[in-house]
PDB file of N, CA and C in Angstrom:
ATOM      1  N   MET A   1     -13.323 -30.799   3.499  1.00  0.00           N
ATOM      2  CA  MET A   1     -14.394 -30.615   3.793  1.00  0.00           C
ATOM      3  C   MET A   1     -15.349 -31.461   3.283  1.00  0.00           C
ATOM      4  N   GLU A   2     -17.047 -31.717   3.766  1.00  0.00           N
ATOM      5  CA  GLU A   2     -17.646 -32.063   2.901  1.00  0.00           C
ATOM      6  C   GLU A   2     -18.083 -31.199   2.011  1.00  0.00           C
ATOM      7  N   LYS A   3     -18.745 -31.890   1.058  1.00  0.00           N
ATOM      8  CA  LYS A   3     -19.402 -30.907  -0.141  1.00  0.00           C
ATOM      9  C   LYS A   3     -20.941 -30.600   0.436  1.00  0.00           C
ATOM     10  N   LEU A   4     -21.725 -29.673   0.135  1.00  0.00           N
ATOM     11  CA  LEU A   4     -22.133 -28.830   0.528  1.00  0.00           C
ATOM     12  C   LEU A   4     -22.982 -28.516  -0.703  1.00  0.00           C
ATOM     13  N   THR A   5     -24.294 -28.229  -0.770  1.00  0.00           N
ATOM     14  CA  THR A   5     -25.296 -28.587  -1.547  1.00  0.00           C
ATOM     15  C   THR A   5     -25.616 -27.139  -1.724  1.00  0.00           C
ATOM     16  N   GLY A   6     -26.469 -26.897  -2.720  1.00  0.00           N
ATOM     17  CA  GLY A   6     -26.432 -25.653  -4.016  1.00  0.00           C
ATOM     18  C   GLY A   6     -26.641 -24.234  -2.651  1.00  0.00           C
ATOM     19  N   LYS A   7     -28.003 -25.342  -1.754  1.00  0.00           N
ATOM     20  CA  LYS A   7     -28.884 -23.992  -0.914  1.00  0.00           C
ATOM     21  C   LYS A   7     -27.947 -23.422  -0.080  1.00  0.00           C
ATOM     22  N   GLU A   8     -26.768 -24.708   0.444  1.00  0.00           N
ATOM     23  CA  GLU A   8     -25.645 -24.372   1.844  1.00  0.00           C
ATOM     24  C   GLU A   8     -24.453 -23.416   0.966  1.00  0.00           C
ATOM     25  N   GLU A   9     -24.467 -23.800   0.307  1.00  0.00           N
ATOM     26  CA  GLU A   9     -23.571 -22.587  -0.877  1.00  0.00           C
ATOM     27  C   GLU A   9     -23.872 -20.754  -0.635  1.00  0.00           C
ATOM     28  N   GLU A  10     -25.619 -21.046  -0.821  1.00  0.00           N
ATOM     29  CA  GLU A  10     -25.906 -19.405  -1.119  1.00  0.00           C
ATOM     30  C   GLU A  10     -25.791 -19.241  -0.146  1.00  0.00           C
ATOM     31  N   VAL A  11     -26.404 -19.783   0.979  1.00  0.00           N
ATOM     32  CA  VAL A  11     -26.060 -19.488   2.759  1.00  0.00           C
ATOM     33  C   VAL A  11     -24.628 -19.268   3.442  1.00  0.00           C
ATOM     34  N   MET A  12     -23.667 -20.293   2.586  1.00  0.00           N
ATOM     35  CA  MET A  12     -22.542 -19.625   3.219  1.00  0.00           C
ATOM     36  C   MET A  12     -22.380 -18.346   2.530  1.00  0.00           C
ATOM     37  N   GLU A  13     -22.087 -18.384   1.298  1.00  0.00           N
ATOM     38  CA  GLU A  13     -22.481 -16.999   0.555  1.00  0.00           C
ATOM     39  C   GLU A  13     -22.233 -15.783   1.744  1.00  0.00           C
ATOM     40  N   LYS A  14     -23.801 -15.961   2.078  1.00  0.00           N
ATOM     41  CA  LYS A  14     -24.255 -14.588   2.385  1.00  0.00           C
ATOM     42  C   LYS A  14     -23.374 -14.809   4.144  1.00  0.00           C
ATOM     43  N   ILE A  15     -22.765 -15.620   4.399  1.00  0.00           N
ATOM     44  CA  ILE A  15     -22.226 -15.132   5.455  1.00  0.00           C
ATOM     45  C   ILE A  15     -20.837 -15.192   5.881  1.00  0.00           C
ATOM     46  N   TRP A  16     -20.767 -15.497   4.835  1.00  0.00           N
ATOM     47  CA  TRP A  16     -19.303 -14.478   4.722  1.00  0.00           C
ATOM     48  C   TRP A  16     -19.233 -13.334   4.138  1.00  0.00           C
ATOM     49  N   GLU A  17     -20.328 -12.619   3.590  1.00  0.00           N
ATOM     50  CA  GLU A  17     -20.553 -11.715   2.982  1.00  0.00           C
ATOM     51  C   GLU A  17     -20.731 -10.503   4.464  1.00  0.00           C
ATOM     52  N   ILE A  18     -21.953 -11.115   5.122  1.00  0.00           N
ATOM     53  CA  ILE A  18     -22.194 -10.347   5.822  1.00  0.00           C
ATOM     54  C   ILE A  18     -20.837 -10.097   7.500  1.00  0.00           C
ATOM     55  N   GLY A  19     -20.504 -11.411   7.482  1.00  0.00           N
ATOM     56  CA  GLY A  19     -19.454 -12.063   8.831  1.00  0.00           C
ATOM     57  C   GLY A  19     -20.411 -12.423   9.775  1.00  0.00           C
ATOM     58  N   PRO A  20     -20.435 -12.285  11.165  1.00  0.00           N
ATOM     59  CA  PRO A  20     -21.354 -13.139  11.929  1.00  0.00           C
ATOM     60  C   PRO A  20     -22.595 -12.879  12.616  1.00  0.00           C
ATOM     61  N   CYS A  21     -23.330 -13.539  12.030  1.00  0.00           N
ATOM     62  CA  CYS A  21     -25.170 -13.383  11.966  1.00  0.00           C
ATOM     63  C   CYS A  21     -25.704 -14.524  12.824  1.00  0.00           C
ATOM     64  N   ALA A  22     -27.081 -13.882  12.733  1.00  0.00           N
ATOM     65  CA  ALA A  22     -28.015 -14.938  13.001  1.00  0.00           C
ATOM     66  C   ALA A  22     -28.954 -15.311  11.659  1.00  0.00           C
ATOM     67  N   PRO A  23     -29.929 -16.899  12.234  1.00  0.00           N
ATOM     68  CA  PRO A  23     -30.796 -17.159  10.579  1.00  0.00           C
ATOM     69  C   PRO A  23     -31.494 -15.319  10.011  1.00  0.00           C
ATOM     70  N   LYS A  24     -32.326 -15.403  11.152  1.00  0.00           N
ATOM     71  CA  LYS A  24     -32.721 -13.858  10.640  1.00  0.00           C
ATOM     72  C   LYS A  24     -32.074 -13.005   9.586  1.00  0.00           C
ATOM     73  N   ASP A  25     -30.804 -12.519   9.851  1.00  0.00           N
ATOM     74  CA  ASP A  25     -29.676 -11.133   9.612  1.00  0.00           C
ATOM     75  C   ASP A  25     -29.554 -12.414   7.757  1.00  0.00           C
ATOM     76  N   VAL A  26     -29.303 -14.265   7.616  1.00  0.00           N
ATOM     77  CA  VAL A  26     -29.264 -13.780   7.020  1.00  0.00           C
ATOM     78  C   VAL A  26     -29.996 -13.904   5.703  1.00  0.00           C
ATOM     79  N   VAL A  27     -31.703 -13.821   5.892  1.00  0.00           N
ATOM     80  CA  VAL A  27     -32.699 -13.803   5.269  1.00  0.00           C
ATOM     81  C   VAL A  27     -33.187 -12.349   5.472  1.00  0.00           C
ATOM     82  N   ALA A  28     -33.134 -12.000   6.014  1.00  0.00           N
ATOM     83  CA  ALA A  28     -32.907 -10.570   5.706  1.00  0.00           C
ATOM     84  C   ALA A  28     -31.989  -9.704   4.159  1.00  0.00           C
ATOM     85  N   GLU A  29     -30.732 -10.729   4.227  1.00  0.00           N
ATOM     86  CA  GLU A  29     -30.737 -10.570   2.604  1.00  0.00           C
ATOM     87  C   GLU A  29     -31.224 -10.598   1.043  1.00  0.00           C
ATOM     88  N   TYR A  30     -31.852 -11.837   1.554  1.00  0.00           N
ATOM     89  CA  TYR A  30     -33.002 -11.957  -0.082  1.00  0.00           C
ATOM     90  C   TYR A  30     -33.959 -10.955  -0.007  1.00  0.00           C
ATOM     91  N   GLU A  31     -34.034 -11.129  -1.669  1.00  0.00           N
ATOM     92  CA  GLU A  31     -34.337  -9.765  -1.541  1.00  0.00           C
ATOM     93  C   GLU A  31     -36.004  -9.978  -2.458  1.00  0.00           C
ATOM     94  N   ASP A  32     -36.215 -10.819  -2.951  1.00  0.00           N
ATOM     95  CA  ASP A  32     -37.539 -11.399  -2.623  1.00  0.00           C
ATOM     96  C   ASP A  32     -37.498 -12.534  -2.572  1.00  0.00           C
ATOM     97  N   LEU A  33     -38.961 -13.765  -2.408  1.00  0.00           N
ATOM     98  CA  LEU A  33     -39.045 -14.670  -1.905  1.00  0.00           C
ATOM     99  C   LEU A  33     -38.242 -15.176  -1.373  1.00  0.00           C
ATOM    100  N   LYS A  34     -38.591 -14.254   0.351  1.00  0.00           N
ATOM    101  CA  LYS A  34     -37.450 -14.922   1.335  1.00  0.00           C
ATOM    102  C   LYS A  34     -38.081 -16.288   1.680  1.00  0.00           C
ATOM    103  N   PRO A  35     -36.486 -17.281   2.092  1.00  0.00           N
ATOM    104  CA  PRO A  35     -36.665 -17.884   2.718  1.00  0.00           C
ATOM    105  C   PRO A  35     -37.278 -17.936   3.988  1.00  0.00           C
ATOM    106  N   HIS A  36     -37.862 -18.993   4.865  1.00  0.00           N
ATOM    107  CA  HIS A  36     -38.624 -18.568   6.404  1.00  0.00           C
ATOM    108  C   HIS A  36     -37.348 -19.206   6.801  1.00  0.00           C
ATOM    109  N   VAL A  37     -37.388 -18.138   7.651  1.00  0.00           N
ATOM    110  CA  VAL A  37     -36.382 -18.326   9.240  1.00  0.00           C
ATOM    111  C   VAL A  37     -35.778 -19.152   9.557  1.00  0.00           C
ATOM    112  N   ASN A  38     -36.874 -20.356  10.007  1.00  0.00           N
ATOM    113  CA  ASN A  38     -36.690 -21.860  10.230  1.00  0.00           C
ATOM    114  C   ASN A  38     -35.950 -22.713   9.385  1.00  0.00           C
ATOM    115  N   THR A  39     -36.275 -22.362   7.558  1.00  0.00           N
ATOM    116  CA  THR A  39     -35.653 -22.983   6.390  1.00  0.00           C
ATOM    117  C   THR A  39     -34.533 -23.456   7.395  1.00  0.00           C
ATOM    118  N   ILE A  40     -34.223 -21.713   7.026  1.00  0.00           N
ATOM    119  CA  ILE A  40     -32.914 -20.807   6.998  1.00  0.00           C
ATOM    120  C   ILE A  40     -31.654 -21.162   8.655  1.00  0.00           C
ATOM    121  N   ALA A  41     -32.556 -21.707   9.640  1.00  0.00           N
ATOM    122  CA  ALA A  41     -32.295 -22.117  11.391  1.00  0.00           C
ATOM    123  C   ALA A  41     -31.730 -23.358  10.780  1.00  0.00           C
ATOM    124  N   THR A  42     -32.453 -24.480  10.161  1.00  0.00           N
ATOM    125  CA  THR A  42     -32.034 -25.365   9.847  1.00  0.00           C
ATOM    126  C   THR A  42     -30.631 -25.636   8.884  1.00  0.00           C
ATOM    127  N   MET A  43     -30.556 -25.032   8.203  1.00  0.00           N
ATOM    128  CA  MET A  43     -28.927 -25.225   6.991  1.00  0.00           C
ATOM    129  C   MET A  43     -28.341 -25.286   8.140  1.00  0.00           C
ATOM    130  N   PHE A  44     -28.250 -23.406   8.936  1.00  0.00           N
ATOM    131  CA  PHE A  44     -26.947 -22.927   9.697  1.00  0.00           C
ATOM    132  C   PHE A  44     -26.828 -24.481  10.339  1.00  0.00           C
ATOM    133  N   GLN A  45     -27.611 -25.317  11.143  1.00  0.00           N
ATOM    134  CA  GLN A  45     -27.164 -26.093  11.899  1.00  0.00           C
ATOM    135  C   GLN A  45     -26.686 -27.554  11.038  1.00  0.00           C
ATOM    136  N   SER A  46     -27.269 -27.487   9.548  1.00  0.00           N
ATOM    137  CA  SER A  46     -26.572 -28.861   9.232  1.00  0.00           C
ATOM    138  C   SER A  46     -25.380 -28.325   8.934  1.00  0.00           C
ATOM    139  N   LEU A  47     -24.819 -26.424   8.193  1.00  0.00           N
ATOM    140  CA  LEU A  47     -23.423 -26.109   8.191  1.00  0.00           C
ATOM    141  C   LEU A  47     -22.752 -26.110   9.815  1.00  0.00           C
ATOM    142  N   GLU A  48     -22.679 -25.943  10.736  1.00  0.00           N
ATOM    143  CA  GLU A  48     -22.126 -25.949  11.232  1.00  0.00           C
ATOM    144  C   GLU A  48     -21.397 -27.792  11.154  1.00  0.00           C
ATOM    145  N   ARG A  49     -22.862 -29.028  11.268  1.00  0.00           N
ATOM    146  CA  ARG A  49     -22.377 -30.351  11.156  1.00  0.00           C
ATOM    147  C   ARG A  49     -21.557 -29.925  10.512  1.00  0.00           C
ATOM    148  N   LYS A  50     -21.771 -29.763   9.291  1.00  0.00           N
ATOM    149  CA  LYS A  50     -20.438 -30.174   8.562  1.00  0.00           C
ATOM    150  C   LYS A  50     -19.413 -29.297   8.534  1.00  0.00           C
ATOM    151  N   GLY A  51     -19.052 -28.566   9.846  1.00  0.00           N
ATOM    152  CA  GLY A  51     -18.058 -28.020  10.566  1.00  0.00           C
ATOM    153  C   GLY A  51     -17.620 -26.578   9.413  1.00  0.00           C
ATOM    154  N   TYR A  52     -18.669 -25.900   8.823  1.00  0.00           N
ATOM    155  CA  TYR A  52     -18.335 -25.058   8.086  1.00  0.00           C
ATOM    156  C   TYR A  52     -19.088 -23.817   8.973  1.00  0.00           C
ATOM    157  N   LEU A  53     -19.605 -24.196  10.014  1.00  0.00           N
ATOM    158  CA  LEU A  53     -20.223 -22.908  11.121  1.00  0.00           C
ATOM    159  C   LEU A  53     -19.650 -22.822  12.841  1.00  0.00           C
ATOM    160  N   THR A  54     -19.996 -22.607  13.482  1.00  0.00           N
ATOM    161  CA  THR A  54     -19.377 -22.591  14.681  1.00  0.00           C
ATOM    162  C   THR A  54     -20.537 -21.482  16.004  1.00  0.00           C
ATOM    163  N   HIS A  55     -20.931 -21.944  16.720  1.00  0.00           N
ATOM    164  CA  HIS A  55     -21.591 -20.842  17.139  1.00  0.00           C
ATOM    165  C   HIS A  55     -21.462 -19.759  18.582  1.00  0.00           C
ATOM    166  N   GLU A  56     -22.479 -18.833  19.598  1.00  0.00           N
ATOM    167  CA  GLU A  56     -21.851 -19.023  20.483  1.00  0.00           C
ATOM    168  C   GLU A  56     -23.034 -18.034  21.047  1.00  0.00           C
ATOM    169  N   PRO A  57     -23.870 -18.323  22.136  1.00  0.00           N
ATOM    170  CA  PRO A  57     -25.456 -17.622  22.223  1.00  0.00           C
ATOM    171  C   PRO A  57     -24.611 -16.345  22.587  1.00  0.00           C
ATOM    172  N   LYS A  58     -26.108 -15.700  22.407  1.00  0.00           N
ATOM    173  CA  LYS A  58     -25.919 -14.494  22.246  1.00  0.00           C
ATOM    174  C   LYS A  58     -27.551 -13.931  22.519  1.00  0.00           C
ATOM    175  N   GLY A  59     -28.094 -13.115  23.919  1.00  0.00           N
ATOM    176  CA  GLY A  59     -29.652 -13.336  24.144  1.00  0.00           C
ATOM    177  C   GLY A  59     -30.027 -14.162  24.606  1.00  0.00           C
ATOM    178  N   ARG A  60     -31.280 -14.342  24.136  1.00  0.00           N
ATOM    179  CA  ARG A  60     -32.346 -15.730  23.527  1.00  0.00           C
ATOM    180  C   ARG A  60     -32.453 -17.079  22.113  1.00  0.00           C
ATOM    181  N   GLY A  61     -30.855 -16.435  21.780  1.00  0.00           N
ATOM    182  CA  GLY A  61     -31.008 -16.858  20.216  1.00  0.00           C
ATOM    183  C   GLY A  61     -28.909 -17.610  20.101  1.00  0.00           C
ATOM    184  N   TYR A  62     -28.482 -17.744  19.462  1.00  0.00           N
ATOM    185  CA  TYR A  62     -26.850 -17.043  18.572  1.00  0.00           C
ATOM    186  C   TYR A  62     -26.677 -16.082  17.902  1.00  0.00           C
ATOM    187  N   ILE A  63     -25.342 -16.438  17.740  1.00  0.00           N
ATOM    188  CA  ILE A  63     -24.478 -15.965  16.663  1.00  0.00           C
ATOM    189  C   ILE A  63     -23.752 -16.884  15.686  1.00  0.00           C
ATOM    190  N   TYR A  64     -23.773 -17.355  15.145  1.00  0.00           N
ATOM    191  CA  TYR A  64     -22.900 -18.069  14.352  1.00  0.00           C
ATOM    192  C   TYR A  64     -21.899 -17.481  13.619  1.00  0.00           C
ATOM    193  N   SER A  65     -21.513 -18.075  13.323  1.00  0.00           N
ATOM    194  CA  SER A  65     -19.539 -17.445  12.560  1.00  0.00           C
ATOM    195  C   SER A  65     -19.041 -18.832  11.685  1.00  0.00           C
ATOM    196  N   ALA A  66     -17.991 -18.579   9.810  1.00  0.00           N
ATOM    197  CA  ALA A  66     -17.294 -19.175   9.249  1.00  0.00           C
ATOM    198  C   ALA A  66     -16.395 -19.402  10.609  1.00  0.00           C
ATOM    199  N   ILE A  67     -16.540 -20.573  10.316  1.00  0.00           N
ATOM    200  CA  ILE A  67     -14.806 -21.222  10.459  1.00  0.00           C
ATOM    201  C   ILE A  67     -14.188 -22.090   9.440  1.00  0.00           C
ATOM    202  N   ILE A  68     -14.599 -22.490   8.109  1.00  0.00           N
ATOM    203  CA  ILE A  68     -14.166 -22.009   6.403  1.00  0.00           C
ATOM    204  C   ILE A  68     -14.065 -20.762   5.919  1.00  0.00           C
ATOM    205  N   PRO A  69     -12.858 -20.050   5.576  1.00  0.00           N
ATOM    206  CA  PRO A  69     -12.644 -19.050   5.289  1.00  0.00           C
ATOM    207  C   PRO A  69     -13.432 -19.443   3.280  1.00  0.00           C
ATOM    208  N   GLN A  70     -13.996 -18.184   2.791  1.00  0.00           N
ATOM    209  CA  GLN A  70     -14.401 -18.295   1.275  1.00  0.00           C
ATOM    210  C   GLN A  70     -13.199 -18.588   0.573  1.00  0.00           C
ATOM    211  N   GLU A  71     -12.087 -17.941   0.938  1.00  0.00           N
ATOM    212  CA  GLU A  71     -11.377 -18.551  -0.035  1.00  0.00           C
ATOM    213  C   GLU A  71     -10.582 -19.726  -0.295  1.00  0.00           C
ATOM    214  N   HIS A  72     -10.496 -20.200   0.937  1.00  0.00           N
ATOM    215  CA  HIS A  72     -10.382 -21.092   1.853  1.00  0.00           C
ATOM    216  C   HIS A  72     -10.861 -22.756   0.586  1.00  0.00           C
ATOM    217  N   TYR A  73     -12.231 -22.347   0.663  1.00  0.00           N
ATOM    218  CA  TYR A  73     -13.749 -22.969   0.359  1.00  0.00           C
ATOM    219  C   TYR A  73     -12.984 -23.321  -1.303  1.00  0.00           C
ATOM    220  N   GLY A  74     -13.134 -21.667  -1.547  1.00  0.00           N
ATOM    221  CA  GLY A  74     -13.567 -21.246  -3.973  1.00  0.00           C
ATOM    222  C   GLY A  74     -12.478 -22.648  -3.918  1.00  0.00           C
ATOM    223  N   ARG A  75     -10.841 -22.612  -3.019  1.00  0.00           N
ATOM    224  CA  ARG A  75     -10.026 -22.988  -3.542  1.00  0.00           C
ATOM    225  C   ARG A  75     -10.541 -24.785  -4.180  1.00  0.00           C
ATOM    226  N   GLY A  76     -11.076 -24.971  -2.910  1.00  0.00           N
ATOM    227  CA  GLY A  76     -11.294 -26.277  -3.236  1.00  0.00           C
ATOM    228  C   GLY A  76     -12.164 -27.130  -4.167  1.00  0.00           C
ATOM    229  N   LYS A  77     -13.433 -25.885  -4.222  1.00  0.00           N
ATOM    230  CA  LYS A  77     -14.232 -25.843  -5.323  1.00  0.00           C
ATOM    231  C   LYS A  77     -13.254 -26.291  -6.648  1.00  0.00           C
ATOM    232  N   PHE A  78     -12.359 -24.899  -6.813  1.00  0.00           N
ATOM    233  CA  PHE A  78     -11.344 -24.869  -7.956  1.00  0.00           C
ATOM    234  C   PHE A  78     -10.151 -26.360  -8.211  1.00  0.00           C
ATOM    235  N   SER A  79      -9.978 -26.717  -7.111  1.00  0.00           N
ATOM    236  CA  SER A  79      -9.194 -28.414  -7.784  1.00  0.00           C
ATOM    237  C   SER A  79     -10.732 -29.122  -7.778  1.00  0.00           C
ATOM    238  N   SER A  80     -11.753 -29.344  -7.370  1.00  0.00           N
ATOM    239  CA  SER A  80     -12.751 -30.450  -7.636  1.00  0.00           C
ATOM    240  C   SER A  80     -13.014 -30.241  -9.343  1.00  0.00           C
ATOM    241  N   PHE A  81     -12.774 -28.677  -9.531  1.00  0.00           N
ATOM    242  CA  PHE A  81     -12.982 -28.360 -11.374  1.00  0.00           C
ATOM    243  C   PHE A  81     -12.114 -28.470 -11.966  1.00  0.00           C
ATOM    244  N   VAL A  82     -11.022 -28.080 -12.019  1.00  0.00           N
ATOM    245  CA  VAL A  82      -9.470 -29.052 -12.394  1.00  0.00           C
ATOM    246  C   VAL A  82      -9.702 -29.840 -12.477  1.00  0.00           C
ATOM    247  N   ASN A  83      -9.865 -30.942 -11.653  1.00  0.00           N
ATOM    248  CA  ASN A  83      -9.963 -33.285 -11.679  1.00  0.00           C
ATOM    249  C   ASN A  83     -10.896 -32.816 -12.493  1.00  0.00           C
ATOM    250  N   ARG A  84     -11.862 -32.815 -12.296  1.00  0.00           N
ATOM    251  CA  ARG A  84     -13.549 -32.669 -12.952  1.00  0.00           C
ATOM    252  C   ARG A  84     -12.860 -32.525 -14.090  1.00  0.00           C
ATOM    253  N   TYR A  85     -13.515 -31.864 -14.840  1.00  0.00           N
ATOM    254  CA  TYR A  85     -12.919 -31.019 -16.526  1.00  0.00           C
ATOM    255  C   TYR A  85     -11.446 -30.900 -17.121  1.00  0.00           C
ATOM    256  N   PHE A  86     -10.744 -31.011 -16.696  1.00  0.00           N
ATOM    257  CA  PHE A  86      -9.154 -30.529 -17.499  1.00  0.00           C
ATOM    258  C   PHE A  86      -8.232 -31.699 -16.751  1.00  0.00           C
ATOM    259  N   GLY A  87      -9.273 -32.796 -16.551  1.00  0.00           N
ATOM    260  CA  GLY A  87      -8.078 -34.806 -16.363  1.00  0.00           C
ATOM    261  C   GLY A  87      -6.695 -33.978 -15.298  1.00  0.00           C
ATOM    262  N   ASN A  88      -7.654 -33.632 -14.090  1.00  0.00           N
ATOM    263  CA  ASN A  88      -6.428 -32.546 -13.035  1.00  0.00           C
ATOM    264  C   ASN A  88      -5.359 -31.898 -13.286  1.00  0.00           C
ATOM    265  N   SER A  89      -5.871 -31.297 -14.799  1.00  0.00           N
ATOM    266  CA  SER A  89      -4.220 -30.865 -14.982  1.00  0.00           C
ATOM    267  C   SER A  89      -4.983 -28.979 -14.843  1.00  0.00           C
ATOM    268  N   TYR A  90      -3.148 -28.807 -14.360  1.00  0.00           N
ATOM    269  CA  TYR A  90      -3.555 -26.904 -14.362  1.00  0.00           C
ATOM    270  C   TYR A  90      -3.442 -26.227 -15.474  1.00  0.00           C
ATOM    271  N   MET A  91      -2.528 -27.048 -16.348  1.00  0.00           N
ATOM    272  CA  MET A  91      -1.596 -26.698 -17.640  1.00  0.00           C
ATOM    273  C   MET A  91      -2.842 -26.731 -18.778  1.00  0.00           C
ATOM    274  N   ASN A  92      -3.505 -27.380 -18.708  1.00  0.00           N
ATOM    275  CA  ASN A  92      -4.803 -27.261 -19.134  1.00  0.00           C
ATOM    276  C   ASN A  92      -6.093 -26.305 -19.157  1.00  0.00           C
ATOM    277  N   VAL A  93      -6.310 -25.390 -17.961  1.00  0.00           N
ATOM    278  CA  VAL A  93      -7.027 -24.961 -17.241  1.00  0.00           C
ATOM    279  C   VAL A  93      -6.147 -23.573 -18.180  1.00  0.00           C
ATOM    280  N   VAL A  94      -4.918 -23.296 -17.513  1.00  0.00           N
ATOM    281  CA  VAL A  94      -4.274 -21.706 -18.190  1.00  0.00           C
ATOM    282  C   VAL A  94      -3.877 -22.503 -19.524  1.00  0.00           C
ATOM    283  N   SER A  95      -3.753 -23.188 -20.609  1.00  0.00           N
ATOM    284  CA  SER A  95      -4.207 -23.800 -21.851  1.00  0.00           C
ATOM    285  C   SER A  95      -5.279 -23.517 -22.734  1.00  0.00           C
ATOM    286  N   ALA A  96      -7.180 -23.607 -22.403  1.00  0.00           N
ATOM    287  CA  ALA A  96      -8.060 -22.804 -22.032  1.00  0.00           C
ATOM    288  C   ALA A  96      -8.551 -21.539 -21.932  1.00  0.00           C
ATOM    289  N   LEU A  97      -7.880 -21.283 -20.491  1.00  0.00           N
ATOM    290  CA  LEU A  97      -8.030 -20.133 -21.182  1.00  0.00           C
ATOM    291  C   LEU A  97      -7.767 -18.671 -22.569  1.00  0.00           C
ATOM    292  N   VAL A  98      -5.766 -19.402 -22.249  1.00  0.00           N
ATOM    293  CA  VAL A  98      -5.566 -18.694 -23.067  1.00  0.00           C
ATOM    294  C   VAL A  98      -6.340 -19.343 -24.899  1.00  0.00           C
ATOM    295  N   GLN A  99      -6.340 -20.166 -24.757  1.00  0.00           N
ATOM    296  CA  GLN A  99      -6.982 -20.218 -26.557  1.00  0.00           C
ATOM    297  C   GLN A  99      -8.518 -19.893 -26.846  1.00  0.00           C
ATOM    298  N   ASP A 100      -8.719 -19.377 -25.113  1.00  0.00           N
ATOM    299  CA  ASP A 100     -10.563 -19.328 -25.740  1.00  0.00           C
ATOM    300  C   ASP A 100      -9.708 -16.992 -24.891  1.00  0.00           C
ATOM    301  N   GLN A 101      -8.919 -16.634 -25.186  1.00  0.00           N
ATOM    302  CA  GLN A 101      -8.187 -15.175 -25.226  1.00  0.00           C
ATOM    303  C   GLN A 101      -9.162 -14.632 -24.002  1.00  0.00           C
ATOM    304  N   LYS A 102      -9.003 -15.726 -22.453  1.00  0.00           N
ATOM    305  CA  LYS A 102      -9.479 -15.220 -21.539  1.00  0.00           C
ATOM    306  C   LYS A 102      -8.252 -14.456 -20.922  1.00  0.00           C
ATOM    307  N   ILE A 103      -6.756 -15.107 -21.144  1.00  0.00           N
ATOM    308  CA  ILE A 103      -5.998 -14.462 -20.547  1.00  0.00           C
ATOM    309  C   ILE A 103      -4.318 -14.150 -21.707  1.00  0.00           C
ATOM    310  N   SER A 104      -4.118 -13.376 -21.965  1.00  0.00           N
ATOM    311  CA  SER A 104      -3.830 -13.206 -23.642  1.00  0.00           C
ATOM    312  C   SER A 104      -1.946 -14.284 -23.247  1.00  0.00           C
ATOM    313  N   LYS A 105      -1.485 -14.106 -24.499  1.00  0.00           N
ATOM    314  CA  LYS A 105      -0.251 -14.128 -23.924  1.00  0.00           C
ATOM    315  C   LYS A 105       0.353 -13.465 -23.003  1.00  0.00           C
ATOM    316  N   GLU A 106       0.914 -12.343 -24.289  1.00  0.00           N
ATOM    317  CA  GLU A 106       1.556 -11.263 -23.136  1.00  0.00           C
ATOM    318  C   GLU A 106       1.262 -11.157 -21.969  1.00  0.00           C
ATOM    319  N   GLU A 107       0.067 -11.258 -20.810  1.00  0.00           N
ATOM    320  CA  GLU A 107      -0.247 -11.661 -19.726  1.00  0.00           C
ATOM    321  C   GLU A 107       0.471 -12.801 -18.925  1.00  0.00           C
ATOM    322  N   LEU A 108       0.290 -14.088 -19.439  1.00  0.00           N
ATOM    323  CA  LEU A 108       0.854 -15.556 -19.527  1.00  0.00           C
ATOM    324  C   LEU A 108       2.733 -14.988 -19.302  1.00  0.00           C
ATOM    325  N   MET A 109       3.052 -14.076 -20.018  1.00  0.00           N
ATOM    326  CA  MET A 109       4.393 -14.240 -20.268  1.00  0.00           C
ATOM    327  C   MET A 109       4.685 -13.475 -19.004  1.00  0.00           C
ATOM    328  N   GLU A 110       3.924 -12.248 -18.778  1.00  0.00           N
ATOM    329  CA  GLU A 110       4.070 -11.016 -17.610  1.00  0.00           C
ATOM    330  C   GLU A 110       4.887 -12.015 -16.363  1.00  0.00           C
ATOM    331  N   PHE A 111       2.985 -12.907 -16.239  1.00  0.00           N
ATOM    332  CA  PHE A 111       3.028 -14.080 -14.773  1.00  0.00           C
ATOM    333  C   PHE A 111       4.053 -14.844 -15.021  1.00  0.00           C
ATOM    334  N   LEU A 112       5.139 -15.171 -15.334  1.00  0.00           N
ATOM    335  CA  LEU A 112       5.954 -16.394 -15.980  1.00  0.00           C
ATOM    336  C   LEU A 112       7.066 -15.608 -15.514  1.00  0.00           C
ATOM    337  N   GLU A 113       7.087 -13.944 -15.615  1.00  0.00           N
ATOM    338  CA  GLU A 113       8.118 -13.022 -15.139  1.00  0.00           C
ATOM    339  C   GLU A 113       8.302 -12.949 -13.912  1.00  0.00           C
ATOM    340  N   GLU A 114       7.244 -12.760 -13.324  1.00  0.00           N
ATOM    341  CA  GLU A 114       6.430 -11.943 -11.720  1.00  0.00           C
ATOM    342  C   GLU A 114       7.379 -13.474 -11.402  1.00  0.00           C
ATOM    343  N   LEU A 115       6.713 -15.282 -11.429  1.00  0.00           N
ATOM    344  CA  LEU A 115       6.873 -15.982 -10.915  1.00  0.00           C
ATOM    345  C   LEU A 115       8.926 -16.444 -10.795  1.00  0.00           C
ATOM    346  N   LYS A 116       9.409 -16.498 -12.191  1.00  0.00           N
ATOM    347  CA  LYS A 116      11.124 -16.058 -11.900  1.00  0.00           C
ATOM    348  C   LYS A 116      11.369 -15.460 -11.115  1.00  0.00           C
ATOM    349  N   ASN A 117      11.160 -13.783 -11.108  1.00  0.00           N
ATOM    350  CA  ASN A 117      11.399 -12.811 -10.470  1.00  0.00           C
ATOM    351  C   ASN A 117      11.793 -13.711  -8.280  1.00  0.00           C
ATOM    352  N   ARG A 118      10.475 -14.237  -8.410  1.00  0.00           N
ATOM    353  CA  ARG A 118      10.530 -14.128  -6.690  1.00  0.00           C
ATOM    354  C   ARG A 118      11.085 -15.470  -6.734  1.00  0.00           C
ATOM    355  N   LYS A 119      11.509 -15.416  -6.939  1.00  0.00           N
ATOM    356  CA  LYS A 119      12.729 -17.364  -6.813  1.00  0.00           C
ATOM    357  C   LYS A 119      13.792 -16.489  -6.317  1.00  0.00           C
TER     358      LYS A 119
END
């Protein structure tokens, strides 16, 4: 997957949230300081070039749909995060979560028990 800019990622999040849409639909999702529809349309084209969107004609315009599921994108971002900040070690991530008390030892033990039972 080609990397997205912060603004492209913001637009993709709105597309994932509302489903197949036109640039004007994404503009409507912004509360204050709405971007111009042409700015969003340009981002749609960039997202399509990068392989995140596809489009089909509808009336005088196009409806765009996500090709990459949000979960797939999130997993890629998480993998990059683990690589960059935790030396590509998922055990270091789990250790940090336990040390920072984001996951209790009991929860971790429950999870390990669930993993054993899956096999």
